[in-house]
Amino acid sequence: MIGRKLHNRIDPGLYIVMVYGISSVFLISGALLMGEKFTGLEFKAYLYMLAIAIVPQFIGHSRFNLSVRHLSATVVSVAILGEPMGASILA
């Protein structure tokens, strides 16, 4: 609901950068507080993580965030419930 109000005031690209940036800060902070390490994996593992971040996040979740501009938050949140089924089919 906050996103719907912000979409009317700011550029959609800026909105996505803000949402993902704030989420990243919280996730990285939580991982650091729990003592998680960000190093020590093979280079291939980092490439897979990058692919996981780019494909579903920017293509899939960005579409949900942008759709709030045209649809109600309720419709978008119900549509998100279909995400696990779609991911299972793709897997």
Protein backbone atom coordinates (compact mmCIF):
# COMPACT_ATOMS: atom_id res chain seq x y z
CA MET A 1 0.00 0.00 0.00
CA ILE A 2 2.93 2.29 0.66
CA GLY A 3 4.34 1.34 -2.73
CA ARG A 4 1.13 2.32 -4.46
CA LYS A 5 1.29 5.81 -2.96
CA LEU A 6 4.98 6.20 -3.75
CA HIS A 7 4.51 5.08 -7.35
CA ASN A 8 2.36 8.12 -7.99
CA ARG A 9 5.11 10.45 -6.76
CA ILE A 10 8.42 9.01 -7.94
CA ASP A 11 9.90 7.31 -10.99
CA PRO A 12 9.35 3.52 -11.03
CA GLY A 13 13.08 2.86 -11.52
CA LEU A 14 13.93 4.97 -8.48
CA TYR A 15 11.25 3.16 -6.49
CA ILE A 16 12.76 -0.24 -7.36
CA VAL A 17 16.26 0.93 -6.45
CA MET A 18 14.98 2.26 -3.11
CA VAL A 19 13.06 -0.93 -2.25
CA TYR A 20 15.91 -3.27 -3.17
CA GLY A 21 18.50 -1.02 -1.53
CA ILE A 22 16.66 -0.86 1.78
CA SER A 23 16.02 -4.61 1.66
CA SER A 24 19.71 -5.25 1.01
CA VAL A 25 20.76 -3.16 3.99
CA PHE A 26 18.46 -5.11 6.31
CA LEU A 27 19.44 -8.52 4.91
CA ILE A 28 23.18 -7.84 5.02
CA SER A 29 22.89 -6.40 8.53
CA GLY A 30 20.99 -9.47 9.70
CA ALA A 31 23.54 -11.81 8.13
CA LEU A 32 26.42 -9.93 9.77
CA LEU A 33 24.68 -9.97 13.15
CA MET A 34 24.27 -13.74 12.85
CA GLY A 35 27.95 -14.16 12.01
CA GLU A 36 27.47 -15.32 8.43
CA LYS A 37 30.48 -15.20 6.10
CA PHE A 38 30.40 -13.69 2.63
CA THR A 39 33.65 -15.24 1.43
CA GLY A 40 35.14 -18.66 0.93
CA LEU A 41 32.92 -20.01 -1.82
CA GLU A 42 33.96 -21.02 -5.30
CA PHE A 43 33.71 -18.38 -8.03
CA LYS A 44 31.04 -20.48 -9.74
CA ALA A 45 28.84 -20.22 -6.62
CA TYR A 46 29.02 -16.42 -6.72
CA LEU A 47 28.00 -16.49 -10.39
CA TYR A 48 24.98 -18.64 -9.54
CA MET A 49 23.99 -16.25 -6.75
CA LEU A 50 24.29 -13.33 -9.14
CA ALA A 51 22.08 -15.15 -11.66
CA ILE A 52 19.53 -15.88 -8.94
CA ALA A 53 19.52 -12.20 -7.99
CA ILE A 54 19.20 -10.89 -11.53
CA VAL A 55 16.67 -13.20 -13.12
CA PRO A 56 13.94 -13.68 -10.51
CA GLN A 57 14.50 -10.47 -8.61
CA PHE A 58 14.77 -7.90 -11.34
CA ILE A 59 12.50 -9.56 -13.86
CA GLY A 60 9.92 -11.19 -11.58
CA HIS A 61 9.68 -9.14 -8.43
CA SER A 62 10.17 -5.86 -10.27
CA ARG A 63 7.07 -6.70 -12.31
CA PHE A 64 5.10 -7.16 -9.10
CA ASN A 65 6.39 -3.85 -7.76
CA LEU A 66 5.57 -2.04 -10.98
CA SER A 67 2.12 -3.63 -11.24
CA VAL A 68 1.08 -1.93 -7.98
CA ARG A 69 0.91 1.26 -10.02
CA HIS A 70 -1.99 -0.14 -12.06
CA LEU A 71 -3.58 -2.76 -9.80
CA SER A 72 -4.66 -2.82 -6.17
CA ALA A 73 -2.23 -4.10 -3.57
CA THR A 74 -4.67 -6.90 -2.80
CA VAL A 75 -4.64 -8.21 -6.38
CA VAL A 76 -0.83 -8.08 -6.52
CA SER A 77 -0.41 -9.85 -3.18
CA VAL A 78 -2.80 -12.64 -4.28
CA ALA A 79 -0.86 -12.97 -7.55
CA ILE A 80 2.35 -13.42 -5.55
CA LEU A 81 0.82 -16.59 -4.07
CA GLY A 82 1.20 -18.18 -7.52
CA GLU A 83 4.96 -17.58 -7.50
CA PRO A 84 5.92 -20.88 -5.80
CA MET A 85 3.87 -22.82 -8.35
CA GLY A 86 5.53 -21.02 -11.24
CA ALA A 87 8.97 -21.59 -9.73
CA SER A 88 8.22 -25.29 -9.28
CA ILE A 89 7.15 -25.60 -12.91
CA LEU A 90 10.29 -23.84 -14.10
CA ALA A 91 12.49 -26.00 -11.88
